[in-house]
C-alpha atoms as a PDB file:
ATOM      1  CA  UNK A   1     102.932 124.771  87.255  1.00  0.00           C
ATOM      2  CA  UNK A   2      99.691 125.741  85.509  1.00  0.00           C
ATOM      3  CA  UNK A   3      96.345 124.913  87.038  1.00  0.00           C
ATOM      4  CA  UNK A   4      93.067 124.662  85.143  1.00  0.00           C
ATOM      5  CA  UNK A   5      89.947 124.677  87.294  1.00  0.00           C
ATOM      6  CA  UNK A   6      86.502 123.689  86.102  1.00  0.00           C
ATOM      7  CA  UNK A   7      83.160 122.402  87.295  1.00  0.00           C
ATOM      8  CA  UNK A   8      81.500 125.402  88.896  1.00  0.00           C
ATOM      9  CA  UNK A   9      77.927 126.374  88.253  1.00  0.00           C
ATOM     10  CA  UNK A  10      74.525 127.157  89.679  1.00  0.00           C
ATOM     11  CA  UNK A  11      72.876 124.620  91.955  1.00  0.00           C
ATOM     12  CA  UNK A  12      70.011 124.612  94.424  1.00  0.00           C
ATOM     13  CA  UNK A  13      70.627 124.259  98.138  1.00  0.00           C
ATOM     14  CA  UNK A  14      71.121 120.616  99.022  1.00  0.00           C
ATOM     15  CA  UNK A  15      72.592 119.838  95.629  1.00  0.00           C
ATOM     16  CA  UNK A  16      76.051 118.700  94.602  1.00  0.00           C
ATOM     17  CA  UNK A  17      78.875 119.840  92.366  1.00  0.00           C
ATOM     18  CA  UNK A  18      82.311 118.471  91.598  1.00  0.00           C
ATOM     19  CA  UNK A  19      85.203 120.797  90.884  1.00  0.00           C
ATOM     20  CA  UNK A  20      88.275 119.665  88.984  1.00  0.00           C
ATOM     21  CA  UNK A  21      91.781 121.095  88.957  1.00  0.00           C
ATOM     22  CA  UNK A  22      94.123 119.804  86.279  1.00  0.00           C
ATOM     23  CA  UNK A  23      97.834 120.420  86.844  1.00  0.00           C
ATOM     24  CA  UNK A  24     100.415 120.758  84.089  1.00  0.00           C
ATOM     25  CA  UNK A  25     102.826 118.461  85.921  1.00  0.00           C
ATOM     26  CA  UNK A  26     102.727 115.422  88.151  1.00  0.00           C
ATOM     27  CA  UNK A  27     100.751 116.182  91.292  1.00  0.00           C
ATOM     28  CA  UNK A  28     103.249 114.077  93.231  1.00  0.00           C
ATOM     29  CA  UNK A  29     105.848 116.763  92.514  1.00  0.00           C
ATOM     30  CA  UNK A  30     103.654 119.255  94.400  1.00  0.00           C
ATOM     31  CA  UNK A  31     103.742 119.399  98.193  1.00  0.00           C
ATOM     32  CA  UNK A  32     100.105 120.337  98.674  1.00  0.00           C
ATOM     33  CA  UNK A  33      97.125 121.015  96.467  1.00  0.00           C
ATOM     34  CA  UNK A  34      93.983 122.597  97.691  1.00  0.00           C
ATOM     35  CA  UNK A  35      90.847 124.569  97.122  1.00  0.00           C
ATOM     36  CA  UNK A  36      90.220 128.038  98.452  1.00  0.00           C
ATOM     37  CA  UNK A  37      87.157 130.203  98.033  1.00  0.00           C
ATOM     38  CA  UNK A  38      86.372 133.884  98.124  1.00  0.00           C
ATOM     39  CA  UNK A  39      82.892 135.281  98.576  1.00  0.00           C
ATOM     40  CA  UNK A  40      82.085 138.905  97.728  1.00  0.00           C
ATOM     41  CA  UNK A  41      83.423 141.248 100.374  1.00  0.00           C
ATOM     42  CA  UNK A  42      85.245 138.468 102.196  1.00  0.00           C
ATOM     43  CA  UNK A  43      88.808 137.238 102.373  1.00  0.00           C
ATOM     44  CA  UNK A  44      89.929 134.154 100.529  1.00  0.00           C
ATOM     45  CA  UNK A  45      89.711 131.116 102.804  1.00  0.00           C
ATOM     46  CA  UNK A  46      90.978 127.579 102.730  1.00  0.00           C
ATOM     47  CA  UNK A  47      88.320 124.998 101.940  1.00  0.00           C
ATOM     48  CA  UNK A  48      90.256 121.753 101.638  1.00  0.00           C
ATOM     49  CA  UNK A  49      93.812 120.625 101.117  1.00  0.00           C
ATOM     50  CA  UNK A  50      95.538 117.376 100.239  1.00  0.00           C
ATOM     51  CA  UNK A  51      99.213 116.742 100.861  1.00  0.00           C
ATOM     52  CA  UNK A  52     101.546 114.754  98.665  1.00  0.00           C
ATOM     53  CA  UNK A  53     101.368 111.895 101.146  1.00  0.00           C
ATOM     54  CA  UNK A  54      97.579 111.842 100.925  1.00  0.00           C
ATOM     55  CA  UNK A  55      96.576 113.476 104.179  1.00  0.00           C
ATOM     56  CA  UNK A  56      93.694 115.902 103.976  1.00  0.00           C
ATOM     57  CA  UNK A  57      92.374 118.831 105.926  1.00  0.00           C
ATOM     58  CA  UNK A  58      89.101 120.723 105.719  1.00  0.00           C
ATOM     59  CA  UNK A  59      87.596 123.944 106.914  1.00  0.00           C
ATOM     60  CA  UNK A  60      85.165 123.289 109.750  1.00  0.00           C
ATOM     61  CA  UNK A  61      82.331 124.754 107.687  1.00  0.00           C
ATOM     62  CA  UNK A  62      82.643 122.029 105.021  1.00  0.00           C
ATOM     63  CA  UNK A  63      83.609 118.969 107.057  1.00  0.00           C
ATOM     64  CA  UNK A  64      81.311 116.067 106.329  1.00  0.00           C
ATOM     65  CA  UNK A  65      80.000 117.705 103.156  1.00  0.00           C
ATOM     66  CA  UNK A  66      83.061 118.221 100.935  1.00  0.00           C
ATOM     67  CA  UNK A  67      85.674 115.680  99.919  1.00  0.00           C
ATOM     68  CA  UNK A  68      89.013 116.407  98.271  1.00  0.00           C
ATOM     69  CA  UNK A  69      90.582 113.648  96.215  1.00  0.00           C
ATOM     70  CA  UNK A  70      93.114 113.160  93.443  1.00  0.00           C
ATOM     71  CA  UNK A  71      93.780 111.129  90.332  1.00  0.00           C
ATOM     72  CA  UNK A  72      97.511 110.870  89.789  1.00  0.00           C
ATOM     73  CA  UNK A  73      97.115 109.410  86.310  1.00  0.00           C
ATOM     74  CA  UNK A  74      95.209 112.533  85.258  1.00  0.00           C
ATOM     75  CA  UNK A  75      97.254 114.946  87.422  1.00  0.00           C
ATOM     76  CA  UNK A  76      93.923 116.194  88.684  1.00  0.00           C
ATOM     77  CA  UNK A  77      92.547 117.097  92.095  1.00  0.00           C
ATOM     78  CA  UNK A  78      88.820 117.080  92.730  1.00  0.00           C
ATOM     79  CA  UNK A  79      86.499 118.704  95.229  1.00  0.00           C
ATOM     80  CA  UNK A  80      83.228 116.868  95.638  1.00  0.00           C
ATOM     81  CA  UNK A  81      80.725 119.207  97.239  1.00  0.00           C
ATOM     82  CA  UNK A  82      77.515 117.737  98.648  1.00  0.00           C
ATOM     83  CA  UNK A  83      74.683 119.242 100.665  1.00  0.00           C
ATOM     84  CA  UNK A  84      75.544 122.658  99.323  1.00  0.00           C
ATOM     85  CA  UNK A  85      74.332 125.724 101.194  1.00  0.00           C
ATOM     86  CA  UNK A  86      73.835 129.299 100.001  1.00  0.00           C
ATOM     87  CA  UNK A  87      76.805 130.306 102.156  1.00  0.00           C
ATOM     88  CA  UNK A  88      79.015 128.109  99.977  1.00  0.00           C
ATOM     89  CA  UNK A  89      78.516 130.611  97.166  1.00  0.00           C
ATOM     90  CA  UNK A  90      81.925 131.931  96.141  1.00  0.00           C
ATOM     91  CA  UNK A  91      84.627 131.839  93.528  1.00  0.00           C
ATOM     92  CA  UNK A  92      86.628 128.689  94.125  1.00  0.00           C
ATOM     93  CA  UNK A  93      90.347 128.684  93.386  1.00  0.00           C
ATOM     94  CA  UNK A  94      92.652 125.758  92.937  1.00  0.00           C
ATOM     95  CA  UNK A  95      96.057 126.079  94.596  1.00  0.00           C
ATOM     96  CA  UNK A  96      99.390 124.308  94.414  1.00  0.00           C
ATOM     97  CA  UNK A  97     102.161 124.859  96.943  1.00  0.00           C
ATOM     98  CA  UNK A  98     105.824 123.965  96.817  1.00  0.00           C
ATOM     99  CA  UNK A  99     107.953 123.972  99.958  1.00  0.00           C
ATOM    100  CA  UNK A 100     111.424 123.759  98.399  1.00  0.00           C
ATOM    101  CA  UNK A 101     113.754 125.219  97.428  1.00  0.00           C
ATOM    102  CA  UNK A 102     111.557 128.084  98.611  1.00  0.00           C
ATOM    103  CA  UNK A 103     107.886 128.372  99.463  1.00  0.00           C
ATOM    104  CA  UNK A 104     105.906 129.061  96.306  1.00  0.00           C
ATOM    105  CA  UNK A 105     102.197 129.067  95.517  1.00  0.00           C
ATOM    106  CA  UNK A 106     100.328 128.897  92.237  1.00  0.00           C
ATOM    107  CA  UNK A 107      96.673 129.605  91.549  1.00  0.00           C
ATOM    108  CA  UNK A 108      94.143 128.496  88.993  1.00  0.00           C
ATOM    109  CA  UNK A 109      91.778 130.952  87.360  1.00  0.00           C
ATOM    110  CA  UNK A 110      88.824 130.434  89.695  1.00  0.00           C
ATOM    111  CA  UNK A 111      85.428 128.933  89.065  1.00  0.00           C
ATOM    112  CA  UNK A 112      82.130 130.384  90.260  1.00  0.00           C
ATOM    113  CA  UNK A 113      79.881 128.306  92.500  1.00  0.00           C
ATOM    114  CA  UNK A 114      76.437 129.728  93.180  1.00  0.00           C
ATOM    115  CA  UNK A 115      74.005 127.999  95.523  1.00  0.00           C
ATOM    116  CA  UNK A 116      70.442 129.241  95.429  1.00  0.00           C
ATOM    117  CA  UNK A 117      68.084 128.921  98.401  1.00  0.00           C
END
């Protein structure tokens, strides 16, 4: 599967951005889709994930501020980011994971999110 991420940019603290991740196949054929981020000098971390059945999970640092959602007609997953903080600054990566026949992960190209104070 190919993933095309978009929507990053520069925003002031307290602002909002929406990231999009378009998949090259039906998102219902994918076990989980999610967003990860990597700040300079830090490891890549999970931000939010949505399972094929619709359940979601978030990093504690973004709960209540970020929302992951999907549009099956567009094969697209979104990350709505509100109340952004400077510590949210990172490159955000879209991810797709398959559980069978073997565990496999695919990554989008990354989109930069910069939050100024």
